[in-house]
Amino acid sequence: MKLLLRVTPLDVVKIRLQAQKNPFPKGKCFVYSNGLMDHMCVCEDGNNKAWYKKPGNFQGTLDAFLKILRNEGIKSLWSGLPPTLVMAVPATVIYFTCYEQLSAFLRAKLGENETRIPIVAGIVARFGAVTVISPLELIRTKVQSKKFSYKELHRFVSMKVSEDGWISLWKGWAPTILRDVPFSAMYWYNYEILKKWLCEKSGLYEPTFMINFTSGALSGSFAAVATLPFDVVKTQKQTQLWTHESRKSPVPFHLSTWAIMKNIVSESGFSGLFTGLIPRLIKIAPACAIMISTYEFGKAFFQKQNVERQYNSLDGLLTRNVNQSQVR
């Protein structure tokens, strides 16, 4: 709960950075002077000649923080917190339960030293979790991408469901899968490798809390950087659903993931695919570290409790058998 409260502002800043348009597209800018001041104007839709004054764009993570605080107030940094809290519990339960159960099954079939087990288990677990919570992810992204009320969101979602059916709530599912499934595969594989390596270097048979923490932070950071382009695509795909509908724009927004990536590169360069890298890293590294170290600690604790309970039960059974033998 506390972790979600702390990282939600980073999510808001990341999504704002990813959702904003390039303020200076090639061949689409002009300066308008009214005699008192100059305005830099941009044509967002060249076919309709929809010229307008471009609002100030964010220049980076700190700039986004300051502008959101100044223009929208501190509450905007926690936009989308309710759907985040609602999706956190089912996503975590589905993800870790599937991963542990599938890992145990594969180890029984393939052996303890099979290196592909974390990859397969991570992919299947994340696939299931993403599919279940995708509608909540869409709502959270909408709320965090711009300032508008939940009443507006409810009206828009109701309209889309009545027009396109419930399947419209899974808009952005494909890029989310392309982001989260490789993330999970890389994360669990690197985590298991790093954990074993650090244990060997430390001369330990079982990993400590700090080994789990360090392995989680490093593997999470690597996976976050590698999958960031798909995170940018997911944000743009989900926010465009609102943008085009609200403007009644005839521009098609049913673009494929690769088409959106090409548009991003053509407008903002290759670096546009890595927009929001700093807030994503600041969020993912500690989140993965805290999550996995706490999870491993809890798992070890309850496993120890189960072993002790079984030992006590066995000890009690043996004691009763001995007493019965003596009575006889």
C-alpha atoms as a PDB file:
ATOM      1  CA  MET A   1       0.000   0.000   0.000  1.00  0.00           C
ATOM      2  CA  LYS A   2       2.735   2.471   1.016  1.00  0.00           C
ATOM      3  CA  LEU A   3       4.813   1.460  -1.998  1.00  0.00           C
ATOM      4  CA  LEU A   4       1.912   2.188  -4.379  1.00  0.00           C
ATOM      5  CA  LEU A   5       1.397   5.610  -2.788  1.00  0.00           C
ATOM      6  CA  ARG A   6       5.057   6.444  -3.299  1.00  0.00           C
ATOM      7  CA  VAL A   7       5.435   5.263  -6.895  1.00  0.00           C
ATOM      8  CA  THR A   8       2.108   6.525  -8.315  1.00  0.00           C
ATOM      9  CA  PRO A   9       3.516  10.052  -8.996  1.00  0.00           C
ATOM     10  CA  LEU A  10       6.319   8.431 -11.020  1.00  0.00           C
ATOM     11  CA  ASP A  11       3.705   6.557 -13.063  1.00  0.00           C
ATOM     12  CA  VAL A  12       1.804   9.806 -13.704  1.00  0.00           C
ATOM     13  CA  VAL A  13       4.946  11.625 -14.851  1.00  0.00           C
ATOM     14  CA  LYS A  14       6.018   8.705 -17.052  1.00  0.00           C
ATOM     15  CA  ILE A  15       2.654   8.482 -18.780  1.00  0.00           C
ATOM     16  CA  ARG A  16       2.467  12.270 -19.297  1.00  0.00           C
ATOM     17  CA  LEU A  17       5.909  12.215 -20.914  1.00  0.00           C
ATOM     18  CA  GLN A  18       4.979   9.276 -23.137  1.00  0.00           C
ATOM     19  CA  ALA A  19       1.546  10.605 -24.131  1.00  0.00           C
ATOM     20  CA  GLN A  20       2.623  14.100 -25.152  1.00  0.00           C
ATOM     21  CA  LYS A  21       3.185  14.882 -28.788  1.00  0.00           C
ATOM     22  CA  ASN A  22       6.402  16.217 -30.242  1.00  0.00           C
ATOM     23  CA  PRO A  23       5.982  20.041 -30.113  1.00  0.00           C
ATOM     24  CA  PHE A  24       8.006  20.524 -33.286  1.00  0.00           C
ATOM     25  CA  PRO A  25       7.110  17.962 -35.976  1.00  0.00           C
ATOM     26  CA  LYS A  26       9.055  18.401 -39.202  1.00  0.00           C
ATOM     27  CA  GLY A  27       7.447  20.838 -41.619  1.00  0.00           C
ATOM     28  CA  LYS A  28       4.453  21.460 -39.360  1.00  0.00           C
ATOM     29  CA  CYS A  29       5.495  24.581 -37.372  1.00  0.00           C
ATOM     30  CA  PHE A  30       4.999  28.286 -37.968  1.00  0.00           C
ATOM     31  CA  VAL A  31       5.330  31.494 -35.993  1.00  0.00           C
ATOM     32  CA  TYR A  32       2.263  33.721 -35.719  1.00  0.00           C
ATOM     33  CA  SER A  33       2.627  37.330 -34.627  1.00  0.00           C
ATOM     34  CA  ASN A  34      -0.359  39.482 -33.596  1.00  0.00           C
ATOM     35  CA  GLY A  35       1.682  42.653 -33.160  1.00  0.00           C
ATOM     36  CA  LEU A  36       2.096  42.200 -29.413  1.00  0.00           C
ATOM     37  CA  MET A  37       3.704  38.786 -29.097  1.00  0.00           C
ATOM     38  CA  ASP A  38       4.801  35.808 -31.137  1.00  0.00           C
ATOM     39  CA  HIS A  39       3.223  32.367 -30.937  1.00  0.00           C
ATOM     40  CA  MET A  40       4.745  29.060 -32.019  1.00  0.00           C
ATOM     41  CA  CYS A  41       1.864  27.129 -33.602  1.00  0.00           C
ATOM     42  CA  VAL A  42       1.726  23.549 -34.778  1.00  0.00           C
ATOM     43  CA  CYS A  43      -0.462  21.711 -37.263  1.00  0.00           C
ATOM     44  CA  GLU A  44      -1.440  18.430 -35.620  1.00  0.00           C
ATOM     45  CA  ASP A  45      -3.666  17.336 -38.484  1.00  0.00           C
ATOM     46  CA  GLY A  46      -2.354  18.590 -41.807  1.00  0.00           C
ATOM     47  CA  ASN A  47      -5.405  17.455 -43.775  1.00  0.00           C
ATOM     48  CA  ASN A  48      -7.841  19.565 -41.758  1.00  0.00           C
ATOM     49  CA  LYS A  49      -5.517  22.572 -41.257  1.00  0.00           C
ATOM     50  CA  ALA A  50      -6.249  22.367 -37.536  1.00  0.00           C
ATOM     51  CA  TRP A  51      -3.802  25.054 -36.405  1.00  0.00           C
ATOM     52  CA  TYR A  52      -3.674  25.957 -32.752  1.00  0.00           C
ATOM     53  CA  LYS A  53      -1.303  27.209 -30.107  1.00  0.00           C
ATOM     54  CA  LYS A  54       0.678  24.320 -28.709  1.00  0.00           C
ATOM     55  CA  PRO A  55       0.664  24.214 -24.885  1.00  0.00           C
ATOM     56  CA  GLY A  56       3.959  23.938 -23.029  1.00  0.00           C
ATOM     57  CA  ASN A  57       5.423  20.470 -23.269  1.00  0.00           C
ATOM     58  CA  PHE A  58       7.378  18.676 -20.585  1.00  0.00           C
ATOM     59  CA  GLN A  59      11.131  18.807 -21.053  1.00  0.00           C
ATOM     60  CA  GLY A  60      11.979  16.005 -18.643  1.00  0.00           C
ATOM     61  CA  THR A  61      11.060  14.226 -15.429  1.00  0.00           C
ATOM     62  CA  LEU A  62      11.692  17.152 -13.060  1.00  0.00           C
ATOM     63  CA  ASP A  63      10.061  19.627 -15.449  1.00  0.00           C
ATOM     64  CA  ALA A  64       6.966  17.397 -15.635  1.00  0.00           C
ATOM     65  CA  PHE A  65       6.764  17.185 -11.840  1.00  0.00           C
ATOM     66  CA  LEU A  66       6.965  20.951 -11.454  1.00  0.00           C
ATOM     67  CA  LYS A  67       4.482  21.771 -14.241  1.00  0.00           C
ATOM     68  CA  ILE A  68       1.913  19.253 -13.009  1.00  0.00           C
ATOM     69  CA  LEU A  69       2.230  20.647  -9.486  1.00  0.00           C
ATOM     70  CA  ARG A  70       1.963  24.261 -10.667  1.00  0.00           C
ATOM     71  CA  ASN A  71      -0.820  23.839 -13.226  1.00  0.00           C
ATOM     72  CA  GLU A  72      -2.950  21.039 -11.790  1.00  0.00           C
ATOM     73  CA  GLY A  73      -2.131  20.782  -8.099  1.00  0.00           C
ATOM     74  CA  ILE A  74      -0.480  18.090  -6.011  1.00  0.00           C
ATOM     75  CA  LYS A  75      -3.526  15.768  -6.184  1.00  0.00           C
ATOM     76  CA  SER A  76      -2.897  15.204  -9.911  1.00  0.00           C
ATOM     77  CA  LEU A  77       0.319  13.350  -9.071  1.00  0.00           C
ATOM     78  CA  TRP A  78      -1.849  10.627  -7.529  1.00  0.00           C
ATOM     79  CA  SER A  79      -4.262  10.369 -10.459  1.00  0.00           C
ATOM     80  CA  GLY A  80      -5.335   6.812 -11.124  1.00  0.00           C
ATOM     81  CA  LEU A  81      -4.612   5.628  -7.591  1.00  0.00           C
ATOM     82  CA  PRO A  82      -8.026   3.911  -7.073  1.00  0.00           C
ATOM     83  CA  PRO A  83      -7.722   1.605 -10.145  1.00  0.00           C
ATOM     84  CA  THR A  84      -4.078   0.993  -9.221  1.00  0.00           C
ATOM     85  CA  LEU A  85      -5.090  -0.205  -5.765  1.00  0.00           C
ATOM     86  CA  VAL A  86      -7.943  -2.321  -7.171  1.00  0.00           C
ATOM     87  CA  MET A  87      -5.716  -4.056  -9.744  1.00  0.00           C
ATOM     88  CA  ALA A  88      -2.735  -4.555  -7.404  1.00  0.00           C
ATOM     89  CA  VAL A  89      -4.217  -7.424  -5.358  1.00  0.00           C
ATOM     90  CA  PRO A  90      -5.581  -9.666  -8.178  1.00  0.00           C
ATOM     91  CA  ALA A  91      -2.530  -9.004 -10.357  1.00  0.00           C
ATOM     92  CA  THR A  92      -0.101  -9.969  -7.587  1.00  0.00           C
ATOM     93  CA  VAL A  93      -2.071 -13.016  -6.484  1.00  0.00           C
ATOM     94  CA  ILE A  94      -2.498 -14.367 -10.023  1.00  0.00           C
ATOM     95  CA  TYR A  95       1.097 -13.613 -10.986  1.00  0.00           C
ATOM     96  CA  PHE A  96       2.930 -15.171  -8.032  1.00  0.00           C
ATOM     97  CA  THR A  97       0.553 -18.101  -7.598  1.00  0.00           C
ATOM     98  CA  CYS A  98       0.869 -19.074 -11.274  1.00  0.00           C
ATOM     99  CA  TYR A  99       4.641 -18.609 -11.214  1.00  0.00           C
ATOM    100  CA  GLU A 100       5.191 -20.740  -8.100  1.00  0.00           C
ATOM    101  CA  GLN A 101       2.797 -23.527  -9.106  1.00  0.00           C
ATOM    102  CA  LEU A 102       4.134 -23.747 -12.657  1.00  0.00           C
ATOM    103  CA  SER A 103       7.761 -23.582 -11.473  1.00  0.00           C
ATOM    104  CA  ALA A 104       7.158 -26.453  -9.042  1.00  0.00           C
ATOM    105  CA  PHE A 105       5.445 -28.489 -11.777  1.00  0.00           C
ATOM    106  CA  LEU A 106       8.261 -27.895 -14.300  1.00  0.00           C
ATOM    107  CA  ARG A 107      10.977 -28.684 -11.743  1.00  0.00           C
ATOM    108  CA  ALA A 108       9.270 -31.998 -10.985  1.00  0.00           C
ATOM    109  CA  LYS A 109       9.190 -32.789 -14.719  1.00  0.00           C
ATOM    110  CA  LEU A 110      12.504 -31.305 -15.942  1.00  0.00           C
ATOM    111  CA  GLY A 111      14.711 -31.220 -12.862  1.00  0.00           C
ATOM    112  CA  GLU A 112      15.879 -28.553 -10.440  1.00  0.00           C
ATOM    113  CA  ASN A 113      18.739 -27.242 -12.610  1.00  0.00           C
ATOM    114  CA  GLU A 114      16.732 -26.523 -15.769  1.00  0.00           C
ATOM    115  CA  THR A 115      17.485 -22.852 -16.616  1.00  0.00           C
ATOM    116  CA  ARG A 116      14.421 -22.381 -18.835  1.00  0.00           C
ATOM    117  CA  ILE A 117      11.945 -22.892 -15.996  1.00  0.00           C
ATOM    118  CA  PRO A 118      11.927 -19.238 -14.774  1.00  0.00           C
ATOM    119  CA  ILE A 119      11.423 -18.008 -18.355  1.00  0.00           C
ATOM    120  CA  VAL A 120       8.470 -20.289 -19.128  1.00  0.00           C
ATOM    121  CA  ALA A 121       6.826 -19.819 -15.729  1.00  0.00           C
ATOM    122  CA  GLY A 122       7.288 -16.037 -15.872  1.00  0.00           C
ATOM    123  CA  ILE A 123       5.804 -15.782 -19.372  1.00  0.00           C
ATOM    124  CA  VAL A 124       2.695 -17.839 -18.574  1.00  0.00           C
ATOM    125  CA  ALA A 125       2.113 -16.114 -15.220  1.00  0.00           C
ATOM    126  CA  ARG A 126       2.403 -12.624 -16.660  1.00  0.00           C
ATOM    127  CA  PHE A 127       0.233 -13.469 -19.655  1.00  0.00           C
ATOM    128  CA  GLY A 128      -2.599 -14.501 -17.359  1.00  0.00           C
ATOM    129  CA  ALA A 129      -2.248 -11.525 -15.019  1.00  0.00           C
ATOM    130  CA  VAL A 130      -2.128  -8.981 -17.876  1.00  0.00           C
ATOM    131  CA  THR A 131      -5.220 -10.418 -19.533  1.00  0.00           C
ATOM    132  CA  VAL A 132      -7.268 -10.248 -16.336  1.00  0.00           C
ATOM    133  CA  ILE A 133      -6.336  -6.689 -15.313  1.00  0.00           C
ATOM    134  CA  SER A 134      -6.115  -5.126 -18.792  1.00  0.00           C
ATOM    135  CA  PRO A 135      -9.384  -3.113 -18.449  1.00  0.00           C
ATOM    136  CA  LEU A 136      -8.173  -1.607 -15.144  1.00  0.00           C
ATOM    137  CA  GLU A 137      -4.828  -0.803 -16.785  1.00  0.00           C
ATOM    138  CA  LEU A 138      -6.678   1.053 -19.552  1.00  0.00           C
ATOM    139  CA  ILE A 139      -8.680   3.094 -17.031  1.00  0.00           C
ATOM    140  CA  ARG A 140      -5.581   3.915 -14.993  1.00  0.00           C
ATOM    141  CA  THR A 141      -3.676   5.078 -18.062  1.00  0.00           C
ATOM    142  CA  LYS A 142      -6.591   7.305 -19.102  1.00  0.00           C
ATOM    143  CA  VAL A 143      -6.836   8.950 -15.707  1.00  0.00           C
ATOM    144  CA  GLN A 144      -3.090   9.539 -15.476  1.00  0.00           C
ATOM    145  CA  SER A 145      -2.628  10.811 -19.042  1.00  0.00           C
ATOM    146  CA  LYS A 146      -4.628  14.023 -18.549  1.00  0.00           C
ATOM    147  CA  LYS A 147      -6.720  15.805 -15.963  1.00  0.00           C
ATOM    148  CA  PHE A 148     -10.389  14.892 -16.196  1.00  0.00           C
ATOM    149  CA  SER A 149     -13.070  13.619 -13.852  1.00  0.00           C
ATOM    150  CA  TYR A 150     -14.194  10.065 -13.251  1.00  0.00           C
ATOM    151  CA  LYS A 151     -17.628  11.169 -14.449  1.00  0.00           C
ATOM    152  CA  GLU A 152     -16.158  11.950 -17.890  1.00  0.00           C
ATOM    153  CA  LEU A 153     -14.294   8.646 -17.837  1.00  0.00           C
ATOM    154  CA  HIS A 154     -17.460   6.713 -16.963  1.00  0.00           C
ATOM    155  CA  ARG A 155     -19.381   8.411 -19.770  1.00  0.00           C
ATOM    156  CA  PHE A 156     -16.657   7.651 -22.285  1.00  0.00           C
ATOM    157  CA  VAL A 157     -16.196   4.007 -21.208  1.00  0.00           C
ATOM    158  CA  SER A 158     -19.972   3.421 -21.279  1.00  0.00           C
ATOM    159  CA  MET A 159     -20.145   4.858 -24.782  1.00  0.00           C
ATOM    160  CA  LYS A 160     -17.274   2.691 -26.058  1.00  0.00           C
ATOM    161  CA  VAL A 161     -18.769  -0.455 -24.511  1.00  0.00           C
ATOM    162  CA  SER A 162     -22.165   0.253 -26.096  1.00  0.00           C
ATOM    163  CA  GLU A 163     -20.544   0.915 -29.494  1.00  0.00           C
ATOM    164  CA  ASP A 164     -17.760  -1.692 -29.665  1.00  0.00           C
ATOM    165  CA  GLY A 165     -18.663  -4.146 -26.901  1.00  0.00           C
ATOM    166  CA  TRP A 166     -16.704  -5.188 -23.849  1.00  0.00           C
ATOM    167  CA  ILE A 167     -13.710  -6.062 -26.029  1.00  0.00           C
ATOM    168  CA  SER A 168     -12.978  -2.313 -26.284  1.00  0.00           C
ATOM    169  CA  LEU A 169     -11.825  -2.382 -22.641  1.00  0.00           C
ATOM    170  CA  TRP A 170      -8.872  -4.527 -23.738  1.00  0.00           C
ATOM    171  CA  LYS A 171      -7.523  -1.745 -25.982  1.00  0.00           C
ATOM    172  CA  GLY A 172      -3.739  -1.781 -25.646  1.00  0.00           C
ATOM    173  CA  TRP A 173      -3.648  -5.444 -24.588  1.00  0.00           C
ATOM    174  CA  ALA A 174      -1.209  -6.403 -27.368  1.00  0.00           C
ATOM    175  CA  PRO A 175       1.523  -3.836 -26.549  1.00  0.00           C
ATOM    176  CA  THR A 176       0.980  -4.539 -22.848  1.00  0.00           C
ATOM    177  CA  ILE A 177       1.658  -8.224 -23.524  1.00  0.00           C
ATOM    178  CA  LEU A 178       4.720  -7.271 -25.593  1.00  0.00           C
ATOM    179  CA  ARG A 179       5.928  -5.159 -22.659  1.00  0.00           C
ATOM    180  CA  ASP A 180       5.081  -7.355 -19.667  1.00  0.00           C
ATOM    181  CA  VAL A 181       5.688 -10.874 -20.986  1.00  0.00           C
ATOM    182  CA  PRO A 182       9.318 -10.241 -22.102  1.00  0.00           C
ATOM    183  CA  PHE A 183       9.794  -8.190 -18.917  1.00  0.00           C
ATOM    184  CA  SER A 184       8.700 -11.131 -16.796  1.00  0.00           C
ATOM    185  CA  ALA A 185      10.837 -13.627 -18.725  1.00  0.00           C
ATOM    186  CA  MET A 186      13.969 -11.469 -18.479  1.00  0.00           C
ATOM    187  CA  TYR A 187      13.262 -10.519 -14.883  1.00  0.00           C
ATOM    188  CA  TRP A 188      12.857 -14.038 -13.498  1.00  0.00           C
ATOM    189  CA  TYR A 189      15.709 -15.502 -15.548  1.00  0.00           C
ATOM    190  CA  ASN A 190      18.180 -12.782 -14.520  1.00  0.00           C
ATOM    191  CA  TYR A 191      16.896 -12.822 -10.948  1.00  0.00           C
ATOM    192  CA  GLU A 192      17.521 -16.551 -10.515  1.00  0.00           C
ATOM    193  CA  ILE A 193      20.961 -16.300 -12.156  1.00  0.00           C
ATOM    194  CA  LEU A 194      22.001 -13.276 -10.058  1.00  0.00           C
ATOM    195  CA  LYS A 195      20.692 -14.863  -6.863  1.00  0.00           C
ATOM    196  CA  LYS A 196      22.699 -18.057  -7.415  1.00  0.00           C
ATOM    197  CA  TRP A 197      25.813 -16.074  -8.381  1.00  0.00           C
ATOM    198  CA  LEU A 198      25.627 -13.827  -5.307  1.00  0.00           C
ATOM    199  CA  CYS A 199      25.084 -16.845  -3.065  1.00  0.00           C
ATOM    200  CA  GLU A 200      28.164 -18.543  -4.524  1.00  0.00           C
ATOM    201  CA  LYS A 201      30.228 -15.366  -4.107  1.00  0.00           C
ATOM    202  CA  SER A 202      29.069 -15.027  -0.496  1.00  0.00           C
ATOM    203  CA  GLY A 203      29.577 -18.692   0.305  1.00  0.00           C
ATOM    204  CA  LEU A 204      25.918 -19.127   1.269  1.00  0.00           C
ATOM    205  CA  TYR A 205      23.563 -22.017   0.591  1.00  0.00           C
ATOM    206  CA  GLU A 206      20.394 -19.939   0.998  1.00  0.00           C
ATOM    207  CA  PRO A 207      20.016 -16.300  -0.185  1.00  0.00           C
ATOM    208  CA  THR A 208      19.735 -13.541   2.401  1.00  0.00           C
ATOM    209  CA  PHE A 209      17.258 -10.674   2.325  1.00  0.00           C
ATOM    210  CA  MET A 210      19.899  -8.347   0.813  1.00  0.00           C
ATOM    211  CA  ILE A 211      20.821 -10.855  -1.904  1.00  0.00           C
ATOM    212  CA  ASN A 212      17.155 -11.090  -2.925  1.00  0.00           C
ATOM    213  CA  PHE A 213      16.827  -7.295  -2.753  1.00  0.00           C
ATOM    214  CA  THR A 214      19.916  -6.663  -4.917  1.00  0.00           C
ATOM    215  CA  SER A 215      19.025  -9.351  -7.453  1.00  0.00           C
ATOM    216  CA  GLY A 216      15.490  -7.992  -7.767  1.00  0.00           C
ATOM    217  CA  ALA A 217      16.636  -4.398  -8.269  1.00  0.00           C
ATOM    218  CA  LEU A 218      19.246  -5.240 -10.924  1.00  0.00           C
ATOM    219  CA  SER A 219      17.108  -7.692 -12.897  1.00  0.00           C
ATOM    220  CA  GLY A 220      14.118  -5.335 -12.738  1.00  0.00           C
ATOM    221  CA  SER A 221      16.182  -2.399 -14.014  1.00  0.00           C
ATOM    222  CA  PHE A 222      17.520  -4.361 -16.974  1.00  0.00           C
ATOM    223  CA  ALA A 223      14.070  -5.645 -17.944  1.00  0.00           C
ATOM    224  CA  ALA A 224      12.558  -2.147 -17.543  1.00  0.00           C
ATOM    225  CA  VAL A 225      15.020  -0.613 -20.023  1.00  0.00           C
ATOM    226  CA  ALA A 226      14.681  -3.448 -22.547  1.00  0.00           C
ATOM    227  CA  THR A 227      10.869  -3.321 -22.642  1.00  0.00           C
ATOM    228  CA  LEU A 228      10.391   0.458 -22.425  1.00  0.00           C
ATOM    229  CA  PRO A 229       9.559   0.924 -26.169  1.00  0.00           C
ATOM    230  CA  PHE A 230       6.472  -1.269 -25.758  1.00  0.00           C
ATOM    231  CA  ASP A 231       5.483   0.708 -22.658  1.00  0.00           C
ATOM    232  CA  VAL A 232       5.564   3.900 -24.754  1.00  0.00           C
ATOM    233  CA  VAL A 233       3.435   2.243 -27.464  1.00  0.00           C
ATOM    234  CA  LYS A 234       0.934   0.972 -24.877  1.00  0.00           C
ATOM    235  CA  THR A 235       0.519   4.454 -23.420  1.00  0.00           C
ATOM    236  CA  GLN A 236       0.021   6.094 -26.805  1.00  0.00           C
ATOM    237  CA  LYS A 237      -2.411   3.416 -27.991  1.00  0.00           C
ATOM    238  CA  GLN A 238      -4.579   3.684 -24.890  1.00  0.00           C
ATOM    239  CA  THR A 239      -4.536   7.488 -24.698  1.00  0.00           C
ATOM    240  CA  GLN A 240      -5.277   7.895 -28.426  1.00  0.00           C
ATOM    241  CA  LEU A 241      -8.571   6.103 -27.881  1.00  0.00           C
ATOM    242  CA  TRP A 242      -9.682   9.076 -25.752  1.00  0.00           C
ATOM    243  CA  THR A 243      -7.955  11.768 -27.853  1.00  0.00           C
ATOM    244  CA  HIS A 244      -9.468  10.891 -31.234  1.00  0.00           C
ATOM    245  CA  GLU A 245     -12.912  10.230 -29.816  1.00  0.00           C
ATOM    246  CA  SER A 246     -13.026  13.541 -27.912  1.00  0.00           C
ATOM    247  CA  ARG A 247     -11.909  15.513 -30.963  1.00  0.00           C
ATOM    248  CA  LYS A 248     -14.110  13.518 -33.352  1.00  0.00           C
ATOM    249  CA  SER A 249     -11.015  13.095 -35.492  1.00  0.00           C
ATOM    250  CA  PRO A 250     -11.265  10.970 -38.642  1.00  0.00           C
ATOM    251  CA  VAL A 251      -7.656   9.872 -38.192  1.00  0.00           C
ATOM    252  CA  PRO A 252      -7.653   6.100 -37.618  1.00  0.00           C
ATOM    253  CA  PHE A 253      -6.320   5.039 -34.240  1.00  0.00           C
ATOM    254  CA  HIS A 254      -6.518   1.294 -34.851  1.00  0.00           C
ATOM    255  CA  LEU A 255      -2.813   1.226 -35.680  1.00  0.00           C
ATOM    256  CA  SER A 256      -0.643  -1.797 -35.064  1.00  0.00           C
ATOM    257  CA  THR A 257       2.109  -1.763 -32.481  1.00  0.00           C
ATOM    258  CA  TRP A 258       4.804  -1.607 -35.160  1.00  0.00           C
ATOM    259  CA  ALA A 259       3.034   1.230 -37.007  1.00  0.00           C
ATOM    260  CA  ILE A 260       2.922   3.282 -33.807  1.00  0.00           C
ATOM    261  CA  MET A 261       6.618   2.595 -33.212  1.00  0.00           C
ATOM    262  CA  LYS A 262       7.436   3.805 -36.723  1.00  0.00           C
ATOM    263  CA  ASN A 263       5.423   6.987 -36.142  1.00  0.00           C
ATOM    264  CA  ILE A 264       7.251   7.633 -32.869  1.00  0.00           C
ATOM    265  CA  VAL A 265      10.656   7.197 -34.529  1.00  0.00           C
ATOM    266  CA  SER A 266       9.701   9.446 -37.470  1.00  0.00           C
ATOM    267  CA  GLU A 267       8.418  12.217 -35.172  1.00  0.00           C
ATOM    268  CA  SER A 268      10.800  12.061 -32.217  1.00  0.00           C
ATOM    269  CA  GLY A 269      13.688   9.891 -33.352  1.00  0.00           C
ATOM    270  CA  PHE A 270      14.824   6.596 -31.853  1.00  0.00           C
ATOM    271  CA  SER A 271      15.054   8.212 -28.420  1.00  0.00           C
ATOM    272  CA  GLY A 272      11.272   8.700 -28.507  1.00  0.00           C
ATOM    273  CA  LEU A 273      10.893   4.960 -27.872  1.00  0.00           C
ATOM    274  CA  PHE A 274      12.634   5.439 -24.520  1.00  0.00           C
ATOM    275  CA  THR A 275      10.571   8.371 -23.278  1.00  0.00           C
ATOM    276  CA  GLY A 276       9.970   8.178 -19.537  1.00  0.00           C
ATOM    277  CA  LEU A 277      13.073   6.073 -18.860  1.00  0.00           C
ATOM    278  CA  ILE A 278      14.092   7.882 -15.658  1.00  0.00           C
ATOM    279  CA  PRO A 279      10.723   7.718 -13.837  1.00  0.00           C
ATOM    280  CA  ARG A 280      10.261   4.111 -14.983  1.00  0.00           C
ATOM    281  CA  LEU A 281      13.667   3.108 -13.577  1.00  0.00           C
ATOM    282  CA  ILE A 282      13.123   5.043 -10.343  1.00  0.00           C
ATOM    283  CA  LYS A 283       9.825   3.202  -9.922  1.00  0.00           C
ATOM    284  CA  ILE A 284      10.719  -0.300 -11.174  1.00  0.00           C
ATOM    285  CA  ALA A 285      14.094  -0.876  -9.469  1.00  0.00           C
ATOM    286  CA  PRO A 286      12.970  -0.371  -5.841  1.00  0.00           C
ATOM    287  CA  ALA A 287       9.512  -1.843  -6.527  1.00  0.00           C
ATOM    288  CA  CYS A 288      10.971  -5.090  -7.888  1.00  0.00           C
ATOM    289  CA  ALA A 289      13.551  -5.218  -5.092  1.00  0.00           C
ATOM    290  CA  ILE A 290      11.006  -4.702  -2.303  1.00  0.00           C
ATOM    291  CA  MET A 291       8.436  -6.994  -3.904  1.00  0.00           C
ATOM    292  CA  ILE A 292      10.704  -9.991  -4.467  1.00  0.00           C
ATOM    293  CA  SER A 293      12.653  -9.713  -1.211  1.00  0.00           C
ATOM    294  CA  THR A 294       9.439  -9.429   0.807  1.00  0.00           C
ATOM    295  CA  TYR A 295       7.895 -12.290  -1.142  1.00  0.00           C
ATOM    296  CA  GLU A 296      10.928 -14.536  -0.623  1.00  0.00           C
ATOM    297  CA  PHE A 297      11.042 -13.647   3.083  1.00  0.00           C
ATOM    298  CA  GLY A 298       7.357 -14.464   3.509  1.00  0.00           C
ATOM    299  CA  LYS A 299       7.687 -17.701   1.536  1.00  0.00           C
ATOM    300  CA  ALA A 300      10.675 -18.821   3.616  1.00  0.00           C
ATOM    301  CA  PHE A 301       8.871 -17.910   6.847  1.00  0.00           C
ATOM    302  CA  PHE A 302       5.749 -19.919   6.043  1.00  0.00           C
ATOM    303  CA  GLN A 303       7.768 -22.845   4.707  1.00  0.00           C
ATOM    304  CA  LYS A 304       9.628 -22.923   8.014  1.00  0.00           C
ATOM    305  CA  GLN A 305       6.339 -22.790   9.891  1.00  0.00           C
ATOM    306  CA  ASN A 306       4.980 -25.707   7.841  1.00  0.00           C
ATOM    307  CA  VAL A 307       8.124 -27.780   8.462  1.00  0.00           C
ATOM    308  CA  GLU A 308       7.934 -27.099  12.201  1.00  0.00           C
ATOM    309  CA  ARG A 309       4.228 -27.970  12.270  1.00  0.00           C
ATOM    310  CA  GLN A 310       4.870 -31.238  10.432  1.00  0.00           C
ATOM    311  CA  TYR A 311       7.786 -32.023  12.761  1.00  0.00           C
ATOM    312  CA  ASN A 312       5.672 -31.327  15.840  1.00  0.00           C
ATOM    313  CA  SER A 313       2.839 -33.462  14.468  1.00  0.00           C
ATOM    314  CA  LEU A 314       5.247 -36.304  13.745  1.00  0.00           C
ATOM    315  CA  ASP A 315       6.871 -35.921  17.160  1.00  0.00           C
ATOM    316  CA  GLY A 316       3.471 -35.991  18.854  1.00  0.00           C
ATOM    317  CA  LEU A 317       2.467 -39.092  16.896  1.00  0.00           C
ATOM    318  CA  LEU A 318       5.679 -40.910  17.858  1.00  0.00           C
ATOM    319  CA  THR A 319       5.217 -39.928  21.514  1.00  0.00           C
ATOM    320  CA  ARG A 320       1.678 -41.326  21.549  1.00  0.00           C
ATOM    321  CA  ASN A 321       2.849 -44.553  19.927  1.00  0.00           C
ATOM    322  CA  VAL A 322       5.604 -44.947  22.524  1.00  0.00           C
ATOM    323  CA  ASN A 323       3.183 -44.299  25.387  1.00  0.00           C
ATOM    324  CA  GLN A 324       0.716 -46.810  23.983  1.00  0.00           C
ATOM    325  CA  SER A 325       3.506 -49.398  23.669  1.00  0.00           C
ATOM    326  CA  GLN A 326       4.548 -48.860  27.292  1.00  0.00           C
ATOM    327  CA  VAL A 327       0.961 -49.233  28.483  1.00  0.00           C
ATOM    328  CA  ARG A 328       0.683 -52.517  26.696  1.00  0.00           C
END
